[in-house]
Amino acid sequence: MSDPPARHLNLAGASNFRDLGGYVGQDGRTVRWRKLFRSNHLGHLTPSDTAVLRELGVKSAVDFRGKDERSEALCGVEEIETHSLPVEPTVVAALRAISASGRPANADDALEVMRDSYRGYVEHSTPRFRALFTHLLEDRAPLVIHCTAGKDRTGFACALILHTLGVDDEVIAEDYLLTNRFYRRDPSVSSDLSDDVRQVLGSVQPSFLAAAFETIDAGYGGLDNYLREGLGIGAAEREALRERYLDE
């Protein structure tokens, strides 16, 4: 029996580039390898990285970066069609506002601001995640989902995808936390913030994703209702996604 493909691809110019394949989904079927990838932004890919993406056959990118973020580092692979679904960042501005109020923002502030940003994905950006599933239903795979760091907006999106495919919640949580192994923080980002704050911003924690799911429960009465009412994924759409992205 051959070994499964590598989940993490160690690219020089991108961080945390991972395959969502290999997880057990609905009815014991497995999420297909080399169809769905996640990453940080693709604006600093090296020629060797570009060759890897071409070999993988990546033809689409779903980009959750805000307008200014995207303009600073556009994807340079001409074969990849980018679909911009901007979820504007709020975390650094919120922390700077705390510091401007008279005291430096600390790690506890950063934790709560991060949780609040995940709540905002549900409260303010559901149409963007709905559009993601539209792309998935149109079968643009192999595709890569990313934002700037590829850990928060991307992490929430990938958790939704894996849930839709029937992957167990504990496995989804484990996949989400793999970012803490593979994400390389950019030391130049937000240098006006303290080291302990930047440590929080450069990680993912279970309470972040939990904040989004608690907001879903409060607003929609559960994740399956959110998929149906918020994201437009009913029984037929869910089955179509499973047929497309799960092995037999």
C-alpha atoms as a PDB file:
ATOM      1  CA  MET A   1       0.000   0.000   0.000  1.00  0.00           C
ATOM      2  CA  SER A   2       1.511   3.322  -1.074  1.00  0.00           C
ATOM      3  CA  ASP A   3       2.065   6.155   1.378  1.00  0.00           C
ATOM      4  CA  PRO A   4      -0.443   9.036   1.239  1.00  0.00           C
ATOM      5  CA  PRO A   5       0.644  12.322  -0.313  1.00  0.00           C
ATOM      6  CA  ALA A   6       2.300  14.888   1.944  1.00  0.00           C
ATOM      7  CA  ARG A   7      -0.218  17.071   3.758  1.00  0.00           C
ATOM      8  CA  HIS A   8       2.170  19.990   4.204  1.00  0.00           C
ATOM      9  CA  LEU A   9       4.145  21.273   1.224  1.00  0.00           C
ATOM     10  CA  ASN A  10       7.177  23.220   2.363  1.00  0.00           C
ATOM     11  CA  LEU A  11       7.212  26.112  -0.102  1.00  0.00           C
ATOM     12  CA  ALA A  12       9.931  28.740   0.155  1.00  0.00           C
ATOM     13  CA  GLY A  13       7.729  31.732  -0.596  1.00  0.00           C
ATOM     14  CA  ALA A  14       4.486  30.633   1.060  1.00  0.00           C
ATOM     15  CA  SER A  15       3.762  29.387   4.546  1.00  0.00           C
ATOM     16  CA  ASN A  16       1.368  26.760   5.863  1.00  0.00           C
ATOM     17  CA  PHE A  17       0.501  25.383   2.394  1.00  0.00           C
ATOM     18  CA  ARG A  18      -1.515  22.260   3.195  1.00  0.00           C
ATOM     19  CA  ASP A  19      -3.719  19.673   1.529  1.00  0.00           C
ATOM     20  CA  LEU A  20      -7.174  19.063   3.043  1.00  0.00           C
ATOM     21  CA  GLY A  21      -7.261  15.532   1.657  1.00  0.00           C
ATOM     22  CA  GLY A  22      -7.083  12.233   3.480  1.00  0.00           C
ATOM     23  CA  TYR A  23      -9.613  12.841   6.235  1.00  0.00           C
ATOM     24  CA  VAL A  24     -12.481  10.396   6.697  1.00  0.00           C
ATOM     25  CA  GLY A  25     -15.774  12.015   5.749  1.00  0.00           C
ATOM     26  CA  GLN A  26     -19.374  10.940   5.160  1.00  0.00           C
ATOM     27  CA  ASP A  27     -20.063   7.186   5.022  1.00  0.00           C
ATOM     28  CA  GLY A  28     -16.397   6.370   5.561  1.00  0.00           C
ATOM     29  CA  ARG A  29     -15.363   7.997   2.295  1.00  0.00           C
ATOM     30  CA  THR A  30     -12.122   9.985   2.276  1.00  0.00           C
ATOM     31  CA  VAL A  31     -11.586  13.607   1.285  1.00  0.00           C
ATOM     32  CA  ARG A  32      -9.763  13.498  -2.031  1.00  0.00           C
ATOM     33  CA  TRP A  33      -6.118  14.400  -2.057  1.00  0.00           C
ATOM     34  CA  ARG A  34      -4.739  17.150  -4.284  1.00  0.00           C
ATOM     35  CA  LYS A  35      -8.096  18.876  -4.807  1.00  0.00           C
ATOM     36  CA  LEU A  36      -8.397  21.367  -1.932  1.00  0.00           C
ATOM     37  CA  PHE A  37      -5.445  23.294  -0.544  1.00  0.00           C
ATOM     38  CA  ARG A  38      -5.028  26.068   2.008  1.00  0.00           C
ATOM     39  CA  SER A  39      -2.185  28.550   2.384  1.00  0.00           C
ATOM     40  CA  ASN A  40      -1.122  32.042   3.277  1.00  0.00           C
ATOM     41  CA  HIS A  41      -1.035  34.540   0.416  1.00  0.00           C
ATOM     42  CA  LEU A  42       0.612  33.628  -2.878  1.00  0.00           C
ATOM     43  CA  GLY A  43       2.332  36.951  -3.533  1.00  0.00           C
ATOM     44  CA  HIS A  44       5.882  35.834  -2.710  1.00  0.00           C
ATOM     45  CA  LEU A  45       6.115  32.508  -4.517  1.00  0.00           C
ATOM     46  CA  THR A  46       9.529  31.578  -5.869  1.00  0.00           C
ATOM     47  CA  PRO A  47      10.004  30.007  -9.310  1.00  0.00           C
ATOM     48  CA  SER A  48      10.367  26.597  -7.653  1.00  0.00           C
ATOM     49  CA  ASP A  49       7.123  27.180  -5.717  1.00  0.00           C
ATOM     50  CA  THR A  50       5.350  28.107  -8.929  1.00  0.00           C
ATOM     51  CA  ALA A  51       6.584  24.884 -10.495  1.00  0.00           C
ATOM     52  CA  VAL A  52       5.104  22.917  -7.576  1.00  0.00           C
ATOM     53  CA  LEU A  53       1.700  24.589  -7.981  1.00  0.00           C
ATOM     54  CA  ARG A  54       1.762  23.892 -11.707  1.00  0.00           C
ATOM     55  CA  GLU A  55       2.585  20.255 -11.052  1.00  0.00           C
ATOM     56  CA  LEU A  56      -0.329  20.074  -8.612  1.00  0.00           C
ATOM     57  CA  GLY A  57      -2.582  21.488 -11.308  1.00  0.00           C
ATOM     58  CA  VAL A  58      -3.841  24.371  -9.167  1.00  0.00           C
ATOM     59  CA  LYS A  59      -6.022  26.509 -11.392  1.00  0.00           C
ATOM     60  CA  SER A  60      -8.049  28.634  -8.955  1.00  0.00           C
ATOM     61  CA  ALA A  61      -7.425  30.628  -5.790  1.00  0.00           C
ATOM     62  CA  VAL A  62     -10.080  31.915  -3.404  1.00  0.00           C
ATOM     63  CA  ASP A  63      -8.593  35.001  -1.750  1.00  0.00           C
ATOM     64  CA  PHE A  64     -10.178  36.301   1.467  1.00  0.00           C
ATOM     65  CA  ARG A  65      -7.780  39.237   1.848  1.00  0.00           C
ATOM     66  CA  GLY A  66      -9.101  42.763   2.121  1.00  0.00           C
ATOM     67  CA  LYS A  67      -8.608  45.274  -0.673  1.00  0.00           C
ATOM     68  CA  ASP A  68      -5.364  46.812   0.614  1.00  0.00           C
ATOM     69  CA  GLU A  69      -3.896  43.461   1.644  1.00  0.00           C
ATOM     70  CA  ARG A  70      -4.476  42.044  -1.809  1.00  0.00           C
ATOM     71  CA  SER A  71      -2.978  45.021  -3.649  1.00  0.00           C
ATOM     72  CA  GLU A  72       0.286  44.654  -1.727  1.00  0.00           C
ATOM     73  CA  ALA A  73       0.991  41.082  -2.888  1.00  0.00           C
ATOM     74  CA  LEU A  74      -0.822  39.786  -5.955  1.00  0.00           C
ATOM     75  CA  CYS A  75      -0.533  36.163  -7.007  1.00  0.00           C
ATOM     76  CA  GLY A  76       2.063  35.959  -9.761  1.00  0.00           C
ATOM     77  CA  VAL A  77       1.085  32.598 -11.277  1.00  0.00           C
ATOM     78  CA  GLU A  78      -0.694  33.513 -14.491  1.00  0.00           C
ATOM     79  CA  GLU A  79      -2.463  30.161 -14.820  1.00  0.00           C
ATOM     80  CA  ILE A  80      -4.227  30.624 -11.468  1.00  0.00           C
ATOM     81  CA  GLU A  81      -7.541  32.467 -11.659  1.00  0.00           C
ATOM     82  CA  THR A  82      -8.037  34.439  -8.440  1.00  0.00           C
ATOM     83  CA  HIS A  83     -11.502  34.954  -6.972  1.00  0.00           C
ATOM     84  CA  SER A  84     -11.445  37.826  -4.503  1.00  0.00           C
ATOM     85  CA  LEU A  85     -13.891  37.444  -1.597  1.00  0.00           C
ATOM     86  CA  PRO A  86     -12.663  40.241   0.681  1.00  0.00           C
ATOM     87  CA  VAL A  87     -13.096  39.877   4.427  1.00  0.00           C
ATOM     88  CA  GLU A  88     -11.498  43.067   5.692  1.00  0.00           C
ATOM     89  CA  PRO A  89      -9.058  42.628   8.595  1.00  0.00           C
ATOM     90  CA  THR A  90     -10.010  44.161  11.949  1.00  0.00           C
ATOM     91  CA  VAL A  91      -7.593  42.752  14.522  1.00  0.00           C
ATOM     92  CA  VAL A  92      -4.605  45.097  14.352  1.00  0.00           C
ATOM     93  CA  ALA A  93      -6.819  48.203  14.167  1.00  0.00           C
ATOM     94  CA  ALA A  94      -8.755  47.044  17.236  1.00  0.00           C
ATOM     95  CA  LEU A  95      -5.554  46.475  19.201  1.00  0.00           C
ATOM     96  CA  ARG A  96      -4.146  49.847  18.187  1.00  0.00           C
ATOM     97  CA  ALA A  97      -7.391  51.467  19.320  1.00  0.00           C
ATOM     98  CA  ILE A  98      -6.936  49.875  22.751  1.00  0.00           C
ATOM     99  CA  SER A  99      -3.385  51.213  22.960  1.00  0.00           C
ATOM    100  CA  ALA A 100      -4.536  54.652  21.865  1.00  0.00           C
ATOM    101  CA  SER A 101      -7.034  54.710  24.738  1.00  0.00           C
ATOM    102  CA  GLY A 102      -4.257  55.024  27.295  1.00  0.00           C
ATOM    103  CA  ARG A 103      -2.698  51.612  27.955  1.00  0.00           C
ATOM    104  CA  PRO A 104      -0.763  49.167  25.793  1.00  0.00           C
ATOM    105  CA  ALA A 105      -2.763  46.259  24.432  1.00  0.00           C
ATOM    106  CA  ASN A 106      -1.773  42.994  26.098  1.00  0.00           C
ATOM    107  CA  ALA A 107      -2.117  39.284  25.332  1.00  0.00           C
ATOM    108  CA  ASP A 108      -5.553  39.045  26.962  1.00  0.00           C
ATOM    109  CA  ASP A 109      -6.736  41.888  24.745  1.00  0.00           C
ATOM    110  CA  ALA A 110      -5.328  40.096  21.724  1.00  0.00           C
ATOM    111  CA  LEU A 111      -7.137  36.870  22.607  1.00  0.00           C
ATOM    112  CA  GLU A 112     -10.487  38.634  22.890  1.00  0.00           C
ATOM    113  CA  VAL A 113      -9.939  40.673  19.737  1.00  0.00           C
ATOM    114  CA  MET A 114      -9.126  37.480  17.867  1.00  0.00           C
ATOM    115  CA  ARG A 115     -12.279  35.803  19.152  1.00  0.00           C
ATOM    116  CA  ASP A 116     -14.299  38.855  18.169  1.00  0.00           C
ATOM    117  CA  SER A 117     -12.881  38.746  14.644  1.00  0.00           C
ATOM    118  CA  TYR A 118     -14.136  35.162  14.293  1.00  0.00           C
ATOM    119  CA  ARG A 119     -17.568  36.249  15.500  1.00  0.00           C
ATOM    120  CA  GLY A 120     -17.458  38.856  12.763  1.00  0.00           C
ATOM    121  CA  TYR A 121     -16.923  36.215  10.089  1.00  0.00           C
ATOM    122  CA  VAL A 122     -20.427  34.980  10.877  1.00  0.00           C
ATOM    123  CA  GLU A 123     -22.104  38.293  11.672  1.00  0.00           C
ATOM    124  CA  HIS A 124     -20.675  40.363   8.809  1.00  0.00           C
ATOM    125  CA  SER A 125     -18.987  38.137   6.214  1.00  0.00           C
ATOM    126  CA  THR A 126     -21.306  35.176   5.683  1.00  0.00           C
ATOM    127  CA  PRO A 127     -21.948  36.255   2.042  1.00  0.00           C
ATOM    128  CA  ARG A 128     -18.229  35.836   1.329  1.00  0.00           C
ATOM    129  CA  PHE A 129     -18.202  32.299   2.671  1.00  0.00           C
ATOM    130  CA  ARG A 130     -21.398  31.573   0.763  1.00  0.00           C
ATOM    131  CA  ALA A 131     -19.569  32.623  -2.404  1.00  0.00           C
ATOM    132  CA  LEU A 132     -16.754  30.200  -1.539  1.00  0.00           C
ATOM    133  CA  PHE A 133     -19.203  27.312  -1.630  1.00  0.00           C
ATOM    134  CA  THR A 134     -20.533  28.544  -4.962  1.00  0.00           C
ATOM    135  CA  HIS A 135     -17.011  28.160  -6.350  1.00  0.00           C
ATOM    136  CA  LEU A 136     -16.691  24.706  -4.811  1.00  0.00           C
ATOM    137  CA  LEU A 137     -19.958  23.632  -6.418  1.00  0.00           C
ATOM    138  CA  GLU A 138     -18.705  24.866  -9.775  1.00  0.00           C
ATOM    139  CA  ASP A 139     -15.795  22.408  -9.475  1.00  0.00           C
ATOM    140  CA  ARG A 140     -12.853  24.745  -9.858  1.00  0.00           C
ATOM    141  CA  ALA A 141     -10.516  22.237  -8.184  1.00  0.00           C
ATOM    142  CA  PRO A 142      -7.656  21.849  -7.724  1.00  0.00           C
ATOM    143  CA  LEU A 143      -7.932  25.122  -5.860  1.00  0.00           C
ATOM    144  CA  VAL A 144      -6.228  26.893  -2.993  1.00  0.00           C
ATOM    145  CA  ILE A 145      -7.993  28.919  -0.301  1.00  0.00           C
ATOM    146  CA  HIS A 146      -5.999  31.665   1.354  1.00  0.00           C
ATOM    147  CA  CYS A 147      -5.967  35.033   3.090  1.00  0.00           C
ATOM    148  CA  THR A 148      -2.858  36.901   4.266  1.00  0.00           C
ATOM    149  CA  ALA A 149      -1.606  34.540   6.969  1.00  0.00           C
ATOM    150  CA  GLY A 150      -3.773  31.612   5.860  1.00  0.00           C
ATOM    151  CA  LYS A 151      -4.845  30.798   9.388  1.00  0.00           C
ATOM    152  CA  ASP A 152      -7.997  32.646  10.501  1.00  0.00           C
ATOM    153  CA  ARG A 153     -10.309  33.536   7.610  1.00  0.00           C
ATOM    154  CA  THR A 154      -8.870  30.531   5.801  1.00  0.00           C
ATOM    155  CA  GLY A 155      -9.090  28.331   8.893  1.00  0.00           C
ATOM    156  CA  PHE A 156     -12.763  29.116   9.425  1.00  0.00           C
ATOM    157  CA  ALA A 157     -13.519  28.480   5.749  1.00  0.00           C
ATOM    158  CA  CYS A 158     -11.735  25.121   5.771  1.00  0.00           C
ATOM    159  CA  ALA A 159     -13.514  24.051   8.956  1.00  0.00           C
ATOM    160  CA  LEU A 160     -16.827  24.730   7.203  1.00  0.00           C
ATOM    161  CA  ILE A 161     -15.750  22.717   4.169  1.00  0.00           C
ATOM    162  CA  LEU A 162     -14.612  19.729   6.187  1.00  0.00           C
ATOM    163  CA  HIS A 163     -17.813  19.780   8.234  1.00  0.00           C
ATOM    164  CA  THR A 164     -19.862  19.813   5.043  1.00  0.00           C
ATOM    165  CA  LEU A 165     -17.931  16.775   3.809  1.00  0.00           C
ATOM    166  CA  GLY A 166     -18.779  14.912   7.016  1.00  0.00           C
ATOM    167  CA  VAL A 167     -15.386  15.041   8.735  1.00  0.00           C
ATOM    168  CA  ASP A 168     -15.527  14.542  12.516  1.00  0.00           C
ATOM    169  CA  ASP A 169     -15.397  17.690  14.652  1.00  0.00           C
ATOM    170  CA  GLU A 170     -12.310  16.523  16.553  1.00  0.00           C
ATOM    171  CA  VAL A 171     -10.447  15.922  13.312  1.00  0.00           C
ATOM    172  CA  ILE A 172     -11.478  19.357  12.040  1.00  0.00           C
ATOM    173  CA  ALA A 173     -10.095  20.911  15.231  1.00  0.00           C
ATOM    174  CA  GLU A 174      -6.826  19.007  14.826  1.00  0.00           C
ATOM    175  CA  ASP A 175      -6.469  20.158  11.231  1.00  0.00           C
ATOM    176  CA  TYR A 176      -7.156  23.754  12.252  1.00  0.00           C
ATOM    177  CA  LEU A 177      -4.421  23.610  14.901  1.00  0.00           C
ATOM    178  CA  LEU A 178      -1.823  22.318  12.423  1.00  0.00           C
ATOM    179  CA  THR A 179      -1.259  25.980  11.616  1.00  0.00           C
ATOM    180  CA  ASN A 180       0.695  26.251  14.864  1.00  0.00           C
ATOM    181  CA  ARG A 181       3.216  23.774  13.413  1.00  0.00           C
ATOM    182  CA  PHE A 182       3.528  25.114   9.908  1.00  0.00           C
ATOM    183  CA  TYR A 183       2.823  28.857   9.889  1.00  0.00           C
ATOM    184  CA  ARG A 184       5.899  31.064   9.684  1.00  0.00           C
ATOM    185  CA  ARG A 185       5.259  34.462  11.228  1.00  0.00           C
ATOM    186  CA  ASP A 186       6.482  37.515   9.349  1.00  0.00           C
ATOM    187  CA  PRO A 187       8.558  39.409  11.967  1.00  0.00           C
ATOM    188  CA  SER A 188       8.037  42.726  10.180  1.00  0.00           C
ATOM    189  CA  VAL A 189       4.248  42.683  10.552  1.00  0.00           C
ATOM    190  CA  SER A 190       2.719  45.020  13.183  1.00  0.00           C
ATOM    191  CA  SER A 191       6.060  45.757  14.822  1.00  0.00           C
ATOM    192  CA  ASP A 192       4.430  48.429  17.014  1.00  0.00           C
ATOM    193  CA  LEU A 193       2.667  45.686  18.984  1.00  0.00           C
ATOM    194  CA  SER A 194       4.298  43.880  21.892  1.00  0.00           C
ATOM    195  CA  ASP A 195       5.888  40.467  21.519  1.00  0.00           C
ATOM    196  CA  ASP A 196       3.196  38.735  23.603  1.00  0.00           C
ATOM    197  CA  VAL A 197       0.475  40.275  21.454  1.00  0.00           C
ATOM    198  CA  ARG A 198       2.220  39.246  18.240  1.00  0.00           C
ATOM    199  CA  GLN A 199       2.588  35.741  19.645  1.00  0.00           C
ATOM    200  CA  VAL A 200      -1.201  35.533  19.953  1.00  0.00           C
ATOM    201  CA  LEU A 201      -1.724  36.982  16.488  1.00  0.00           C
ATOM    202  CA  GLY A 202       0.690  34.460  14.995  1.00  0.00           C
ATOM    203  CA  SER A 203      -1.159  31.434  16.372  1.00  0.00           C
ATOM    204  CA  VAL A 204      -4.544  29.758  16.296  1.00  0.00           C
ATOM    205  CA  GLN A 205      -6.340  28.601  19.418  1.00  0.00           C
ATOM    206  CA  PRO A 206      -9.420  26.447  19.958  1.00  0.00           C
ATOM    207  CA  SER A 207     -11.290  29.378  21.497  1.00  0.00           C
ATOM    208  CA  PHE A 208     -11.024  31.342  18.244  1.00  0.00           C
ATOM    209  CA  LEU A 209     -12.870  28.778  16.168  1.00  0.00           C
ATOM    210  CA  ALA A 210     -15.231  28.113  19.087  1.00  0.00           C
ATOM    211  CA  ALA A 211     -16.226  31.785  19.085  1.00  0.00           C
ATOM    212  CA  ALA A 212     -17.387  31.491  15.476  1.00  0.00           C
ATOM    213  CA  PHE A 213     -19.344  28.315  16.137  1.00  0.00           C
ATOM    214  CA  GLU A 214     -20.953  29.814  19.267  1.00  0.00           C
ATOM    215  CA  THR A 215     -22.051  32.778  17.145  1.00  0.00           C
ATOM    216  CA  ILE A 216     -23.492  30.357  14.592  1.00  0.00           C
ATOM    217  CA  ASP A 217     -25.388  28.519  17.345  1.00  0.00           C
ATOM    218  CA  ALA A 218     -26.782  31.794  18.715  1.00  0.00           C
ATOM    219  CA  GLY A 219     -27.799  33.198  15.350  1.00  0.00           C
ATOM    220  CA  TYR A 220     -28.797  30.117  13.391  1.00  0.00           C
ATOM    221  CA  GLY A 221     -29.489  27.408  15.953  1.00  0.00           C
ATOM    222  CA  GLY A 222     -26.648  25.195  14.807  1.00  0.00           C
ATOM    223  CA  LEU A 223     -24.048  24.625  12.115  1.00  0.00           C
ATOM    224  CA  ASP A 224     -26.299  22.638   9.785  1.00  0.00           C
ATOM    225  CA  ASN A 225     -28.843  25.473   9.826  1.00  0.00           C
ATOM    226  CA  TYR A 226     -26.051  27.933   9.076  1.00  0.00           C
ATOM    227  CA  LEU A 227     -24.941  25.872   6.118  1.00  0.00           C
ATOM    228  CA  ARG A 228     -28.477  25.822   4.770  1.00  0.00           C
ATOM    229  CA  GLU A 229     -29.712  29.315   5.636  1.00  0.00           C
ATOM    230  CA  GLY A 230     -26.454  31.265   5.634  1.00  0.00           C
ATOM    231  CA  LEU A 231     -24.400  29.502   2.987  1.00  0.00           C
ATOM    232  CA  GLY A 232     -27.108  28.051   0.745  1.00  0.00           C
ATOM    233  CA  ILE A 233     -25.945  24.461   1.254  1.00  0.00           C
ATOM    234  CA  GLY A 234     -28.994  22.250   1.507  1.00  0.00           C
ATOM    235  CA  ALA A 235     -29.162  18.487   1.179  1.00  0.00           C
ATOM    236  CA  ALA A 236     -28.714  18.491  -2.602  1.00  0.00           C
ATOM    237  CA  GLU A 237     -25.742  20.871  -2.515  1.00  0.00           C
ATOM    238  CA  ARG A 238     -24.111  18.945   0.316  1.00  0.00           C
ATOM    239  CA  GLU A 239     -24.431  15.691  -1.592  1.00  0.00           C
ATOM    240  CA  ALA A 240     -23.000  17.320  -4.728  1.00  0.00           C
ATOM    241  CA  LEU A 241     -19.986  18.524  -2.756  1.00  0.00           C
ATOM    242  CA  ARG A 242     -19.473  15.095  -1.242  1.00  0.00           C
ATOM    243  CA  GLU A 243     -19.656  13.409  -4.626  1.00  0.00           C
ATOM    244  CA  ARG A 244     -17.099  15.875  -5.954  1.00  0.00           C
ATOM    245  CA  TYR A 245     -14.597  15.933  -3.104  1.00  0.00           C
ATOM    246  CA  LEU A 246     -14.914  12.506  -1.455  1.00  0.00           C
ATOM    247  CA  ASP A 247     -13.468   9.295  -2.811  1.00  0.00           C
ATOM    248  CA  GLU A 248     -15.767   6.306  -3.234  1.00  0.00           C
END
